[in-house]
Protein backbone atom coordinates (compact mmCIF):
# COMPACT_ATOMS: atom_id res chain seq x y z
CA UNK A 1 0.00 0.00 0.00
CA UNK A 2 1.38 3.41 -0.96
CA UNK A 3 0.27 6.90 -0.03
CA UNK A 4 -0.97 9.02 -2.92
CA UNK A 5 -1.61 12.23 -1.01
CA UNK A 6 -0.81 13.68 2.36
CA UNK A 7 -3.54 14.59 4.83
CA UNK A 8 -2.00 16.37 7.85
CA UNK A 9 -5.36 16.50 9.61
CA UNK A 10 -5.87 12.72 9.54
CA UNK A 11 -5.65 11.60 13.14
CA UNK A 12 -7.33 9.31 15.61
CA UNK A 13 -7.32 9.05 19.36
CA UNK A 14 -8.24 5.37 19.30
CA UNK A 15 -5.60 3.05 20.72
CA UNK A 16 -4.75 -0.04 18.69
CA UNK A 17 -6.32 -3.19 20.04
CA UNK A 18 -4.16 -5.97 21.44
CA UNK A 19 -5.10 -8.19 18.49
CA UNK A 20 -4.07 -5.53 16.01
CA UNK A 21 -0.75 -5.00 17.79
CA UNK A 22 -0.14 -8.77 17.76
CA UNK A 23 -0.94 -8.83 14.04
CA UNK A 24 1.52 -6.01 13.31
CA UNK A 25 4.20 -7.84 15.30
CA UNK A 26 3.47 -11.04 13.39
CA UNK A 27 3.70 -9.24 10.04
CA UNK A 28 7.02 -7.67 10.97
CA UNK A 29 8.44 -11.09 11.91
CA UNK A 30 7.32 -12.34 8.49
CA UNK A 31 9.34 -9.59 6.81
CA UNK A 32 6.54 -7.07 6.35
CA UNK A 33 6.21 -3.59 7.74
CA UNK A 34 3.62 -1.05 8.80
CA UNK A 35 4.33 2.70 8.76
CA UNK A 36 4.39 4.32 12.21
CA UNK A 37 1.66 6.74 11.11
CA UNK A 38 -0.83 3.90 10.49
CA UNK A 39 -3.15 3.29 13.41
CA UNK A 40 -6.12 1.05 14.02
CA UNK A 41 -9.46 2.63 14.89
CA UNK A 42 -12.73 1.05 15.94
CA UNK A 43 -14.61 3.86 14.14
CA UNK A 44 -13.24 5.10 10.83
CA UNK A 45 -15.92 7.74 10.51
CA UNK A 46 -18.34 5.37 8.86
CA UNK A 47 -19.15 3.45 12.01
CA UNK A 48 -16.76 0.58 11.34
CA UNK A 49 -13.27 -0.44 12.27
CA UNK A 50 -10.42 0.39 9.96
CA UNK A 51 -7.05 2.07 9.59
CA UNK A 52 -6.22 5.76 9.66
CA UNK A 53 -3.11 7.87 9.20
CA UNK A 54 -2.20 9.60 12.45
CA UNK A 55 0.60 11.70 10.98
CA UNK A 56 2.04 13.19 7.82
CA UNK A 57 2.95 10.76 5.08
CA UNK A 58 4.84 11.67 1.91
CA UNK A 59 3.24 10.93 -1.44
CA UNK A 60 4.41 7.56 -2.75
CA UNK A 61 5.63 6.40 0.66
CA UNK A 62 4.83 2.79 1.50
CA UNK A 63 2.42 2.45 4.40
CA UNK A 64 2.00 -1.32 4.55
CA UNK A 65 4.08 -4.06 2.96
CA UNK A 66 2.84 -7.66 3.08
CA UNK A 67 5.35 -10.21 1.74
CA UNK A 68 4.13 -13.30 -0.08
CA UNK A 69 4.74 -15.58 2.93
CA UNK A 70 2.23 -13.49 4.91
CA UNK A 71 -0.45 -13.64 2.20
CA UNK A 72 -3.10 -16.34 2.54
CA UNK A 73 -3.89 -17.96 -0.81
CA UNK A 74 -4.06 -21.36 -2.46
CA UNK A 75 -1.84 -21.99 -5.45
CA UNK A 76 -3.73 -24.78 -7.18
CA UNK A 77 -0.45 -26.66 -7.49
CA UNK A 78 0.40 -29.93 -5.75
CA UNK A 79 2.56 -29.90 -2.62
CA UNK A 80 5.58 -31.37 -4.41
CA UNK A 81 5.55 -28.27 -6.60
CA UNK A 82 5.37 -25.89 -3.66
CA UNK A 83 1.58 -25.85 -3.51
CA UNK A 84 -1.16 -27.45 -1.45
CA UNK A 85 -1.55 -30.92 -0.04
CA UNK A 86 -3.62 -33.30 -2.13
CA UNK A 87 -6.40 -33.51 0.47
CA UNK A 88 -7.13 -29.78 0.25
CA UNK A 89 -6.90 -29.76 -3.54
CA UNK A 90 -9.31 -32.69 -3.62
CA UNK A 91 -11.98 -30.67 -1.81
CA UNK A 92 -11.26 -27.47 -3.75
CA UNK A 93 -11.74 -29.32 -7.03
CA UNK A 94 -15.31 -30.22 -6.06
CA UNK A 95 -16.19 -26.51 -6.13
CA UNK A 96 -17.11 -24.63 -9.30
CA UNK A 97 -13.97 -22.62 -10.25
CA UNK A 98 -16.16 -19.54 -10.65
CA UNK A 99 -16.82 -19.66 -6.90
CA UNK A 100 -13.29 -18.58 -6.03
CA UNK A 101 -14.41 -17.18 -2.66
CA UNK A 102 -15.60 -20.62 -1.62
CA UNK A 103 -12.32 -22.17 -2.75
CA UNK A 104 -10.20 -19.63 -0.88
CA UNK A 105 -12.48 -20.10 2.12
CA UNK A 106 -11.49 -23.77 2.21
CA UNK A 107 -7.84 -22.74 2.50
CA UNK A 108 -8.80 -20.42 5.35
CA UNK A 109 -10.59 -23.27 7.12
CA UNK A 110 -7.55 -25.50 6.74
CA UNK A 111 -5.49 -22.84 8.54
CA UNK A 112 -8.20 -22.62 11.19
CA UNK A 113 -7.95 -26.37 11.70
CA UNK A 114 -4.16 -26.10 12.02
CA UNK A 115 -4.57 -23.45 14.73
CA UNK A 116 -6.22 -26.11 16.92
CA UNK A 117 -3.11 -28.31 16.81
CA UNK A 118 0.04 -28.04 18.96
CA UNK A 119 2.02 -26.88 15.93
CA UNK A 120 -0.54 -24.17 15.26
CA UNK A 121 -1.05 -22.12 12.11
CA UNK A 122 1.21 -19.44 10.68
CA UNK A 123 -1.94 -17.33 10.35
CA UNK A 124 -3.35 -17.68 13.88
CA UNK A 125 -2.89 -13.99 14.71
CA UNK A 126 -4.58 -13.00 11.48
CA UNK A 127 -7.60 -15.24 11.97
CA UNK A 128 -8.19 -13.77 15.43
CA UNK A 129 -8.83 -10.38 13.82
CA UNK A 130 -11.49 -11.61 11.39
CA UNK A 131 -15.17 -10.85 12.10
CA UNK A 132 -17.20 -13.73 13.50
CA UNK A 133 -20.04 -13.09 11.04
CA UNK A 134 -20.98 -10.96 8.04
CA UNK A 135 -24.61 -10.13 8.67
CA UNK A 136 -24.86 -7.69 5.76
CA UNK A 137 -24.09 -10.33 3.15
CA UNK A 138 -26.94 -12.27 1.43
CA UNK A 139 -25.37 -15.58 2.52
CA UNK A 140 -26.51 -14.72 6.07
CA UNK A 141 -30.01 -13.60 5.10
CA UNK A 142 -33.07 -15.62 6.06
CA UNK A 143 -35.44 -16.64 3.21
CA UNK A 144 -37.75 -13.82 4.31
CA UNK A 145 -34.93 -11.29 4.15
CA UNK A 146 -33.87 -12.53 0.70
CA UNK A 147 -37.44 -12.04 -0.51
CA UNK A 148 -37.26 -8.41 0.62
CA UNK A 149 -34.32 -7.77 -1.70
CA UNK A 150 -36.70 -7.46 -4.65
CA UNK A 151 -33.86 -8.29 -7.04
CA UNK A 152 -34.59 -11.66 -8.69
CA UNK A 153 -31.00 -12.16 -9.89
CA UNK A 154 -29.61 -11.64 -6.38
CA UNK A 155 -32.26 -13.93 -4.94
CA UNK A 156 -31.37 -16.68 -7.42
CA UNK A 157 -27.65 -16.27 -6.75
CA UNK A 158 -28.18 -16.43 -2.98
CA UNK A 159 -30.27 -19.60 -3.35
CA UNK A 160 -27.67 -21.18 -5.66
CA UNK A 161 -24.83 -20.33 -3.25
CA UNK A 162 -26.76 -21.88 -0.40
CA UNK A 163 -27.15 -25.13 -2.32
CA UNK A 164 -23.44 -25.12 -3.16
CA UNK A 165 -22.59 -24.61 0.52
CA UNK A 166 -24.92 -27.43 1.57
CA UNK A 167 -23.32 -29.79 -0.94
CA UNK A 168 -19.83 -28.79 0.20
CA UNK A 169 -20.82 -29.35 3.83
CA UNK A 170 -21.97 -32.88 2.91
CA UNK A 171 -18.64 -33.51 1.18
CA UNK A 172 -16.70 -32.34 4.25
CA UNK A 173 -18.82 -34.53 6.50
CA UNK A 174 -18.19 -37.61 4.33
CA UNK A 175 -14.39 -37.24 4.44
CA UNK A 176 -14.10 -36.10 8.05
CA UNK A 177 -11.40 -38.00 9.90
CA UNK A 178 -10.18 -39.84 6.81
CA UNK A 179 -6.94 -39.47 4.86
CA UNK A 180 -8.85 -37.24 2.44
CA UNK A 181 -9.72 -34.76 5.21
CA UNK A 182 -7.59 -31.58 5.01
CA UNK A 183 -9.23 -30.17 8.15
CA UNK A 184 -7.75 -32.61 10.71
CA UNK A 185 -11.10 -33.86 11.92
CA UNK A 186 -12.57 -30.41 12.50
CA UNK A 187 -16.35 -30.41 12.01
CA UNK A 188 -16.81 -28.24 8.93
CA UNK A 189 -20.52 -27.44 8.86
CA UNK A 190 -22.47 -25.04 6.68
CA UNK A 191 -22.05 -22.25 9.24
CA UNK A 192 -18.25 -22.46 9.08
CA UNK A 193 -18.31 -22.72 5.29
CA UNK A 194 -20.54 -19.64 5.04
CA UNK A 195 -18.22 -17.69 7.36
CA UNK A 196 -15.09 -18.72 5.45
CA UNK A 197 -16.63 -17.96 2.06
CA UNK A 198 -17.84 -14.56 3.26
CA UNK A 199 -14.42 -13.79 4.75
CA UNK A 200 -12.68 -14.61 1.49
CA UNK A 201 -15.12 -13.01 -0.95
CA UNK A 202 -15.42 -9.75 1.00
CA UNK A 203 -11.77 -9.26 1.96
CA UNK A 204 -9.56 -10.80 -0.75
CA UNK A 205 -7.53 -8.96 -3.37
CA UNK A 206 -6.20 -10.07 -6.72
CA UNK A 207 -2.41 -10.03 -6.46
CA UNK A 208 -0.30 -9.87 -9.59
CA UNK A 209 2.41 -12.50 -9.82
CA UNK A 210 5.45 -12.83 -12.00
CA UNK A 211 5.06 -15.14 -15.02
CA UNK A 212 5.07 -18.70 -13.74
CA UNK A 213 4.51 -17.63 -10.15
CA UNK A 214 1.16 -18.12 -8.41
CA UNK A 215 -0.64 -18.39 -11.73
CA UNK A 216 -0.76 -14.67 -12.50
CA UNK A 217 -3.48 -13.05 -10.40
CA UNK A 218 -4.73 -15.24 -7.56
CA UNK A 219 -7.16 -14.13 -4.91
CA UNK A 220 -5.27 -13.53 -1.67
CA UNK A 221 -6.11 -12.46 1.85
CA UNK A 222 -3.73 -9.65 2.82
CA UNK A 223 -3.44 -9.23 6.61
CA UNK A 224 -3.75 -5.62 7.84
CA UNK A 225 -4.32 -4.30 4.31
CA UNK A 226 -7.77 -5.88 4.42
CA UNK A 227 -8.62 -3.64 7.38
CA UNK A 228 -8.61 -0.66 5.03
CA UNK A 229 -12.06 0.50 4.00
CA UNK A 230 -13.15 1.80 0.61
CA UNK A 231 -13.63 5.52 0.18
CA UNK A 232 -14.87 7.61 -2.74
CA UNK A 233 -12.38 10.23 -1.59
CA UNK A 234 -9.42 7.90 -1.20
CA UNK A 235 -5.92 9.12 -0.39
CA UNK A 236 -4.12 5.75 -0.76
CA UNK A 237 -3.73 3.10 -3.42
CA UNK A 238 -2.77 -0.57 -3.38
C-alpha atoms as a PDB file:
ATOM      1  CA  UNK A   1       0.000   0.000   0.000  1.00  0.00           C
ATOM      2  CA  UNK A   2       1.377   3.413  -0.956  1.00  0.00           C
ATOM      3  CA  UNK A   3       0.269   6.905  -0.028  1.00  0.00           C
ATOM      4  CA  UNK A   4      -0.974   9.016  -2.921  1.00  0.00           C
ATOM      5  CA  UNK A   5      -1.612  12.231  -1.009  1.00  0.00           C
ATOM      6  CA  UNK A   6      -0.806  13.685   2.363  1.00  0.00           C
ATOM      7  CA  UNK A   7      -3.538  14.591   4.825  1.00  0.00           C
ATOM      8  CA  UNK A   8      -2.004  16.373   7.852  1.00  0.00           C
ATOM      9  CA  UNK A   9      -5.357  16.500   9.610  1.00  0.00           C
ATOM     10  CA  UNK A  10      -5.871  12.722   9.536  1.00  0.00           C
ATOM     11  CA  UNK A  11      -5.651  11.601  13.141  1.00  0.00           C
ATOM     12  CA  UNK A  12      -7.328   9.310  15.606  1.00  0.00           C
ATOM     13  CA  UNK A  13      -7.316   9.052  19.361  1.00  0.00           C
ATOM     14  CA  UNK A  14      -8.241   5.369  19.297  1.00  0.00           C
ATOM     15  CA  UNK A  15      -5.596   3.048  20.722  1.00  0.00           C
ATOM     16  CA  UNK A  16      -4.745  -0.036  18.686  1.00  0.00           C
ATOM     17  CA  UNK A  17      -6.316  -3.195  20.043  1.00  0.00           C
ATOM     18  CA  UNK A  18      -4.158  -5.966  21.440  1.00  0.00           C
ATOM     19  CA  UNK A  19      -5.104  -8.193  18.492  1.00  0.00           C
ATOM     20  CA  UNK A  20      -4.067  -5.529  16.008  1.00  0.00           C
ATOM     21  CA  UNK A  21      -0.752  -5.005  17.785  1.00  0.00           C
ATOM     22  CA  UNK A  22      -0.141  -8.766  17.758  1.00  0.00           C
ATOM     23  CA  UNK A  23      -0.937  -8.825  14.042  1.00  0.00           C
ATOM     24  CA  UNK A  24       1.522  -6.014  13.310  1.00  0.00           C
ATOM     25  CA  UNK A  25       4.203  -7.844  15.297  1.00  0.00           C
ATOM     26  CA  UNK A  26       3.469 -11.043  13.387  1.00  0.00           C
ATOM     27  CA  UNK A  27       3.703  -9.241  10.044  1.00  0.00           C
ATOM     28  CA  UNK A  28       7.019  -7.673  10.971  1.00  0.00           C
ATOM     29  CA  UNK A  29       8.440 -11.088  11.908  1.00  0.00           C
ATOM     30  CA  UNK A  30       7.319 -12.337   8.491  1.00  0.00           C
ATOM     31  CA  UNK A  31       9.345  -9.594   6.812  1.00  0.00           C
ATOM     32  CA  UNK A  32       6.535  -7.069   6.350  1.00  0.00           C
ATOM     33  CA  UNK A  33       6.205  -3.594   7.742  1.00  0.00           C
ATOM     34  CA  UNK A  34       3.615  -1.050   8.802  1.00  0.00           C
ATOM     35  CA  UNK A  35       4.328   2.697   8.761  1.00  0.00           C
ATOM     36  CA  UNK A  36       4.394   4.324  12.205  1.00  0.00           C
ATOM     37  CA  UNK A  37       1.658   6.736  11.108  1.00  0.00           C
ATOM     38  CA  UNK A  38      -0.825   3.899  10.486  1.00  0.00           C
ATOM     39  CA  UNK A  39      -3.149   3.292  13.412  1.00  0.00           C
ATOM     40  CA  UNK A  40      -6.120   1.054  14.024  1.00  0.00           C
ATOM     41  CA  UNK A  41      -9.461   2.634  14.890  1.00  0.00           C
ATOM     42  CA  UNK A  42     -12.729   1.046  15.937  1.00  0.00           C
ATOM     43  CA  UNK A  43     -14.610   3.861  14.136  1.00  0.00           C
ATOM     44  CA  UNK A  44     -13.236   5.099  10.834  1.00  0.00           C
ATOM     45  CA  UNK A  45     -15.916   7.739  10.506  1.00  0.00           C
ATOM     46  CA  UNK A  46     -18.343   5.369   8.860  1.00  0.00           C
ATOM     47  CA  UNK A  47     -19.148   3.452  12.015  1.00  0.00           C
ATOM     48  CA  UNK A  48     -16.764   0.580  11.337  1.00  0.00           C
ATOM     49  CA  UNK A  49     -13.266  -0.443  12.273  1.00  0.00           C
ATOM     50  CA  UNK A  50     -10.422   0.393   9.958  1.00  0.00           C
ATOM     51  CA  UNK A  51      -7.050   2.073   9.589  1.00  0.00           C
ATOM     52  CA  UNK A  52      -6.217   5.761   9.655  1.00  0.00           C
ATOM     53  CA  UNK A  53      -3.107   7.867   9.198  1.00  0.00           C
ATOM     54  CA  UNK A  54      -2.196   9.604  12.449  1.00  0.00           C
ATOM     55  CA  UNK A  55       0.598  11.698  10.980  1.00  0.00           C
ATOM     56  CA  UNK A  56       2.043  13.191   7.821  1.00  0.00           C
ATOM     57  CA  UNK A  57       2.947  10.759   5.076  1.00  0.00           C
ATOM     58  CA  UNK A  58       4.844  11.667   1.912  1.00  0.00           C
ATOM     59  CA  UNK A  59       3.241  10.930  -1.439  1.00  0.00           C
ATOM     60  CA  UNK A  60       4.410   7.561  -2.746  1.00  0.00           C
ATOM     61  CA  UNK A  61       5.630   6.404   0.661  1.00  0.00           C
ATOM     62  CA  UNK A  62       4.833   2.787   1.500  1.00  0.00           C
ATOM     63  CA  UNK A  63       2.423   2.453   4.405  1.00  0.00           C
ATOM     64  CA  UNK A  64       1.999  -1.318   4.551  1.00  0.00           C
ATOM     65  CA  UNK A  65       4.080  -4.064   2.963  1.00  0.00           C
ATOM     66  CA  UNK A  66       2.843  -7.659   3.079  1.00  0.00           C
ATOM     67  CA  UNK A  67       5.349 -10.206   1.741  1.00  0.00           C
ATOM     68  CA  UNK A  68       4.127 -13.301  -0.079  1.00  0.00           C
ATOM     69  CA  UNK A  69       4.737 -15.576   2.929  1.00  0.00           C
ATOM     70  CA  UNK A  70       2.231 -13.488   4.909  1.00  0.00           C
ATOM     71  CA  UNK A  71      -0.448 -13.642   2.197  1.00  0.00           C
ATOM     72  CA  UNK A  72      -3.102 -16.342   2.543  1.00  0.00           C
ATOM     73  CA  UNK A  73      -3.890 -17.957  -0.810  1.00  0.00           C
ATOM     74  CA  UNK A  74      -4.058 -21.364  -2.463  1.00  0.00           C
ATOM     75  CA  UNK A  75      -1.844 -21.987  -5.448  1.00  0.00           C
ATOM     76  CA  UNK A  76      -3.727 -24.780  -7.175  1.00  0.00           C
ATOM     77  CA  UNK A  77      -0.450 -26.660  -7.488  1.00  0.00           C
ATOM     78  CA  UNK A  78       0.402 -29.926  -5.754  1.00  0.00           C
ATOM     79  CA  UNK A  79       2.556 -29.905  -2.622  1.00  0.00           C
ATOM     80  CA  UNK A  80       5.580 -31.370  -4.409  1.00  0.00           C
ATOM     81  CA  UNK A  81       5.552 -28.266  -6.603  1.00  0.00           C
ATOM     82  CA  UNK A  82       5.375 -25.895  -3.656  1.00  0.00           C
ATOM     83  CA  UNK A  83       1.581 -25.852  -3.513  1.00  0.00           C
ATOM     84  CA  UNK A  84      -1.156 -27.447  -1.454  1.00  0.00           C
ATOM     85  CA  UNK A  85      -1.550 -30.924  -0.044  1.00  0.00           C
ATOM     86  CA  UNK A  86      -3.616 -33.298  -2.129  1.00  0.00           C
ATOM     87  CA  UNK A  87      -6.399 -33.515   0.470  1.00  0.00           C
ATOM     88  CA  UNK A  88      -7.132 -29.780   0.249  1.00  0.00           C
ATOM     89  CA  UNK A  89      -6.902 -29.757  -3.536  1.00  0.00           C
ATOM     90  CA  UNK A  90      -9.308 -32.689  -3.619  1.00  0.00           C
ATOM     91  CA  UNK A  91     -11.979 -30.675  -1.815  1.00  0.00           C
ATOM     92  CA  UNK A  92     -11.260 -27.466  -3.746  1.00  0.00           C
ATOM     93  CA  UNK A  93     -11.743 -29.324  -7.030  1.00  0.00           C
ATOM     94  CA  UNK A  94     -15.311 -30.218  -6.059  1.00  0.00           C
ATOM     95  CA  UNK A  95     -16.189 -26.508  -6.125  1.00  0.00           C
ATOM     96  CA  UNK A  96     -17.113 -24.630  -9.302  1.00  0.00           C
ATOM     97  CA  UNK A  97     -13.966 -22.616 -10.249  1.00  0.00           C
ATOM     98  CA  UNK A  98     -16.159 -19.538 -10.653  1.00  0.00           C
ATOM     99  CA  UNK A  99     -16.816 -19.661  -6.903  1.00  0.00           C
ATOM    100  CA  UNK A 100     -13.292 -18.579  -6.027  1.00  0.00           C
ATOM    101  CA  UNK A 101     -14.407 -17.184  -2.659  1.00  0.00           C
ATOM    102  CA  UNK A 102     -15.599 -20.624  -1.618  1.00  0.00           C
ATOM    103  CA  UNK A 103     -12.316 -22.174  -2.750  1.00  0.00           C
ATOM    104  CA  UNK A 104     -10.196 -19.626  -0.883  1.00  0.00           C
ATOM    105  CA  UNK A 105     -12.481 -20.096   2.116  1.00  0.00           C
ATOM    106  CA  UNK A 106     -11.490 -23.775   2.211  1.00  0.00           C
ATOM    107  CA  UNK A 107      -7.840 -22.743   2.498  1.00  0.00           C
ATOM    108  CA  UNK A 108      -8.799 -20.418   5.351  1.00  0.00           C
ATOM    109  CA  UNK A 109     -10.590 -23.272   7.118  1.00  0.00           C
ATOM    110  CA  UNK A 110      -7.545 -25.497   6.742  1.00  0.00           C
ATOM    111  CA  UNK A 111      -5.488 -22.844   8.542  1.00  0.00           C
ATOM    112  CA  UNK A 112      -8.202 -22.617  11.193  1.00  0.00           C
ATOM    113  CA  UNK A 113      -7.951 -26.366  11.700  1.00  0.00           C
ATOM    114  CA  UNK A 114      -4.163 -26.101  12.019  1.00  0.00           C
ATOM    115  CA  UNK A 115      -4.571 -23.453  14.726  1.00  0.00           C
ATOM    116  CA  UNK A 116      -6.217 -26.113  16.921  1.00  0.00           C
ATOM    117  CA  UNK A 117      -3.113 -28.315  16.809  1.00  0.00           C
ATOM    118  CA  UNK A 118       0.041 -28.041  18.965  1.00  0.00           C
ATOM    119  CA  UNK A 119       2.023 -26.876  15.929  1.00  0.00           C
ATOM    120  CA  UNK A 120      -0.542 -24.168  15.258  1.00  0.00           C
ATOM    121  CA  UNK A 121      -1.050 -22.118  12.112  1.00  0.00           C
ATOM    122  CA  UNK A 122       1.210 -19.441  10.680  1.00  0.00           C
ATOM    123  CA  UNK A 123      -1.942 -17.325  10.352  1.00  0.00           C
ATOM    124  CA  UNK A 124      -3.352 -17.677  13.881  1.00  0.00           C
ATOM    125  CA  UNK A 125      -2.889 -13.989  14.714  1.00  0.00           C
ATOM    126  CA  UNK A 126      -4.580 -13.002  11.479  1.00  0.00           C
ATOM    127  CA  UNK A 127      -7.601 -15.238  11.971  1.00  0.00           C
ATOM    128  CA  UNK A 128      -8.191 -13.767  15.428  1.00  0.00           C
ATOM    129  CA  UNK A 129      -8.826 -10.377  13.815  1.00  0.00           C
ATOM    130  CA  UNK A 130     -11.491 -11.612  11.385  1.00  0.00           C
ATOM    131  CA  UNK A 131     -15.170 -10.845  12.102  1.00  0.00           C
ATOM    132  CA  UNK A 132     -17.201 -13.730  13.503  1.00  0.00           C
ATOM    133  CA  UNK A 133     -20.041 -13.088  11.041  1.00  0.00           C
ATOM    134  CA  UNK A 134     -20.984 -10.963   8.041  1.00  0.00           C
ATOM    135  CA  UNK A 135     -24.615 -10.131   8.667  1.00  0.00           C
ATOM    136  CA  UNK A 136     -24.856  -7.689   5.764  1.00  0.00           C
ATOM    137  CA  UNK A 137     -24.094 -10.334   3.151  1.00  0.00           C
ATOM    138  CA  UNK A 138     -26.936 -12.274   1.430  1.00  0.00           C
ATOM    139  CA  UNK A 139     -25.369 -15.577   2.523  1.00  0.00           C
ATOM    140  CA  UNK A 140     -26.512 -14.719   6.067  1.00  0.00           C
ATOM    141  CA  UNK A 141     -30.014 -13.600   5.096  1.00  0.00           C
ATOM    142  CA  UNK A 142     -33.071 -15.615   6.063  1.00  0.00           C
ATOM    143  CA  UNK A 143     -35.444 -16.641   3.211  1.00  0.00           C
ATOM    144  CA  UNK A 144     -37.749 -13.821   4.305  1.00  0.00           C
ATOM    145  CA  UNK A 145     -34.927 -11.288   4.147  1.00  0.00           C
ATOM    146  CA  UNK A 146     -33.871 -12.527   0.699  1.00  0.00           C
ATOM    147  CA  UNK A 147     -37.437 -12.040  -0.513  1.00  0.00           C
ATOM    148  CA  UNK A 148     -37.261  -8.415   0.615  1.00  0.00           C
ATOM    149  CA  UNK A 149     -34.320  -7.767  -1.700  1.00  0.00           C
ATOM    150  CA  UNK A 150     -36.700  -7.461  -4.653  1.00  0.00           C
ATOM    151  CA  UNK A 151     -33.858  -8.290  -7.037  1.00  0.00           C
ATOM    152  CA  UNK A 152     -34.589 -11.661  -8.688  1.00  0.00           C
ATOM    153  CA  UNK A 153     -31.004 -12.156  -9.893  1.00  0.00           C
ATOM    154  CA  UNK A 154     -29.614 -11.638  -6.384  1.00  0.00           C
ATOM    155  CA  UNK A 155     -32.261 -13.928  -4.941  1.00  0.00           C
ATOM    156  CA  UNK A 156     -31.372 -16.681  -7.418  1.00  0.00           C
ATOM    157  CA  UNK A 157     -27.652 -16.265  -6.751  1.00  0.00           C
ATOM    158  CA  UNK A 158     -28.181 -16.426  -2.982  1.00  0.00           C
ATOM    159  CA  UNK A 159     -30.273 -19.599  -3.355  1.00  0.00           C
ATOM    160  CA  UNK A 160     -27.672 -21.177  -5.656  1.00  0.00           C
ATOM    161  CA  UNK A 161     -24.825 -20.332  -3.253  1.00  0.00           C
ATOM    162  CA  UNK A 162     -26.761 -21.875  -0.397  1.00  0.00           C
ATOM    163  CA  UNK A 163     -27.153 -25.130  -2.315  1.00  0.00           C
ATOM    164  CA  UNK A 164     -23.441 -25.117  -3.164  1.00  0.00           C
ATOM    165  CA  UNK A 165     -22.590 -24.615   0.516  1.00  0.00           C
ATOM    166  CA  UNK A 166     -24.916 -27.430   1.567  1.00  0.00           C
ATOM    167  CA  UNK A 167     -23.316 -29.787  -0.940  1.00  0.00           C
ATOM    168  CA  UNK A 168     -19.826 -28.786   0.202  1.00  0.00           C
ATOM    169  CA  UNK A 169     -20.823 -29.350   3.833  1.00  0.00           C
ATOM    170  CA  UNK A 170     -21.969 -32.878   2.915  1.00  0.00           C
ATOM    171  CA  UNK A 171     -18.636 -33.507   1.184  1.00  0.00           C
ATOM    172  CA  UNK A 172     -16.699 -32.341   4.246  1.00  0.00           C
ATOM    173  CA  UNK A 173     -18.815 -34.531   6.500  1.00  0.00           C
ATOM    174  CA  UNK A 174     -18.195 -37.606   4.330  1.00  0.00           C
ATOM    175  CA  UNK A 175     -14.392 -37.238   4.435  1.00  0.00           C
ATOM    176  CA  UNK A 176     -14.100 -36.099   8.053  1.00  0.00           C
ATOM    177  CA  UNK A 177     -11.401 -38.000   9.904  1.00  0.00           C
ATOM    178  CA  UNK A 178     -10.179 -39.835   6.806  1.00  0.00           C
ATOM    179  CA  UNK A 179      -6.944 -39.473   4.857  1.00  0.00           C
ATOM    180  CA  UNK A 180      -8.854 -37.241   2.444  1.00  0.00           C
ATOM    181  CA  UNK A 181      -9.719 -34.761   5.214  1.00  0.00           C
ATOM    182  CA  UNK A 182      -7.587 -31.581   5.011  1.00  0.00           C
ATOM    183  CA  UNK A 183      -9.228 -30.172   8.155  1.00  0.00           C
ATOM    184  CA  UNK A 184      -7.749 -32.608  10.706  1.00  0.00           C
ATOM    185  CA  UNK A 185     -11.098 -33.865  11.923  1.00  0.00           C
ATOM    186  CA  UNK A 186     -12.572 -30.405  12.500  1.00  0.00           C
ATOM    187  CA  UNK A 187     -16.349 -30.409  12.011  1.00  0.00           C
ATOM    188  CA  UNK A 188     -16.810 -28.244   8.928  1.00  0.00           C
ATOM    189  CA  UNK A 189     -20.523 -27.439   8.859  1.00  0.00           C
ATOM    190  CA  UNK A 190     -22.471 -25.038   6.678  1.00  0.00           C
ATOM    191  CA  UNK A 191     -22.049 -22.251   9.236  1.00  0.00           C
ATOM    192  CA  UNK A 192     -18.246 -22.460   9.078  1.00  0.00           C
ATOM    193  CA  UNK A 193     -18.307 -22.716   5.289  1.00  0.00           C
ATOM    194  CA  UNK A 194     -20.536 -19.639   5.045  1.00  0.00           C
ATOM    195  CA  UNK A 195     -18.218 -17.685   7.357  1.00  0.00           C
ATOM    196  CA  UNK A 196     -15.087 -18.715   5.454  1.00  0.00           C
ATOM    197  CA  UNK A 197     -16.630 -17.959   2.058  1.00  0.00           C
ATOM    198  CA  UNK A 198     -17.843 -14.557   3.263  1.00  0.00           C
ATOM    199  CA  UNK A 199     -14.425 -13.786   4.748  1.00  0.00           C
ATOM    200  CA  UNK A 200     -12.684 -14.612   1.491  1.00  0.00           C
ATOM    201  CA  UNK A 201     -15.116 -13.007  -0.952  1.00  0.00           C
ATOM    202  CA  UNK A 202     -15.424  -9.755   1.004  1.00  0.00           C
ATOM    203  CA  UNK A 203     -11.768  -9.261   1.964  1.00  0.00           C
ATOM    204  CA  UNK A 204      -9.555 -10.795  -0.753  1.00  0.00           C
ATOM    205  CA  UNK A 205      -7.528  -8.955  -3.366  1.00  0.00           C
ATOM    206  CA  UNK A 206      -6.202 -10.071  -6.719  1.00  0.00           C
ATOM    207  CA  UNK A 207      -2.409 -10.026  -6.464  1.00  0.00           C
ATOM    208  CA  UNK A 208      -0.296  -9.868  -9.588  1.00  0.00           C
ATOM    209  CA  UNK A 209       2.406 -12.502  -9.815  1.00  0.00           C
ATOM    210  CA  UNK A 210       5.454 -12.829 -12.003  1.00  0.00           C
ATOM    211  CA  UNK A 211       5.062 -15.138 -15.022  1.00  0.00           C
ATOM    212  CA  UNK A 212       5.072 -18.695 -13.742  1.00  0.00           C
ATOM    213  CA  UNK A 213       4.510 -17.625 -10.150  1.00  0.00           C
ATOM    214  CA  UNK A 214       1.161 -18.118  -8.412  1.00  0.00           C
ATOM    215  CA  UNK A 215      -0.642 -18.391 -11.733  1.00  0.00           C
ATOM    216  CA  UNK A 216      -0.756 -14.670 -12.498  1.00  0.00           C
ATOM    217  CA  UNK A 217      -3.483 -13.055 -10.401  1.00  0.00           C
ATOM    218  CA  UNK A 218      -4.731 -15.235  -7.560  1.00  0.00           C
ATOM    219  CA  UNK A 219      -7.165 -14.133  -4.906  1.00  0.00           C
ATOM    220  CA  UNK A 220      -5.268 -13.527  -1.669  1.00  0.00           C
ATOM    221  CA  UNK A 221      -6.107 -12.455   1.846  1.00  0.00           C
ATOM    222  CA  UNK A 222      -3.731  -9.646   2.822  1.00  0.00           C
ATOM    223  CA  UNK A 223      -3.444  -9.232   6.606  1.00  0.00           C
ATOM    224  CA  UNK A 224      -3.748  -5.616   7.837  1.00  0.00           C
ATOM    225  CA  UNK A 225      -4.325  -4.302   4.312  1.00  0.00           C
ATOM    226  CA  UNK A 226      -7.774  -5.876   4.421  1.00  0.00           C
ATOM    227  CA  UNK A 227      -8.620  -3.644   7.383  1.00  0.00           C
ATOM    228  CA  UNK A 228      -8.608  -0.664   5.027  1.00  0.00           C
ATOM    229  CA  UNK A 229     -12.059   0.501   3.998  1.00  0.00           C
ATOM    230  CA  UNK A 230     -13.148   1.797   0.615  1.00  0.00           C
ATOM    231  CA  UNK A 231     -13.628   5.520   0.181  1.00  0.00           C
ATOM    232  CA  UNK A 232     -14.872   7.608  -2.743  1.00  0.00           C
ATOM    233  CA  UNK A 233     -12.382  10.234  -1.593  1.00  0.00           C
ATOM    234  CA  UNK A 234      -9.420   7.898  -1.195  1.00  0.00           C
ATOM    235  CA  UNK A 235      -5.918   9.119  -0.385  1.00  0.00           C
ATOM    236  CA  UNK A 236      -4.118   5.750  -0.758  1.00  0.00           C
ATOM    237  CA  UNK A 237      -3.729   3.096  -3.422  1.00  0.00           C
ATOM    238  CA  UNK A 238      -2.772  -0.569  -3.379  1.00  0.00           C
END
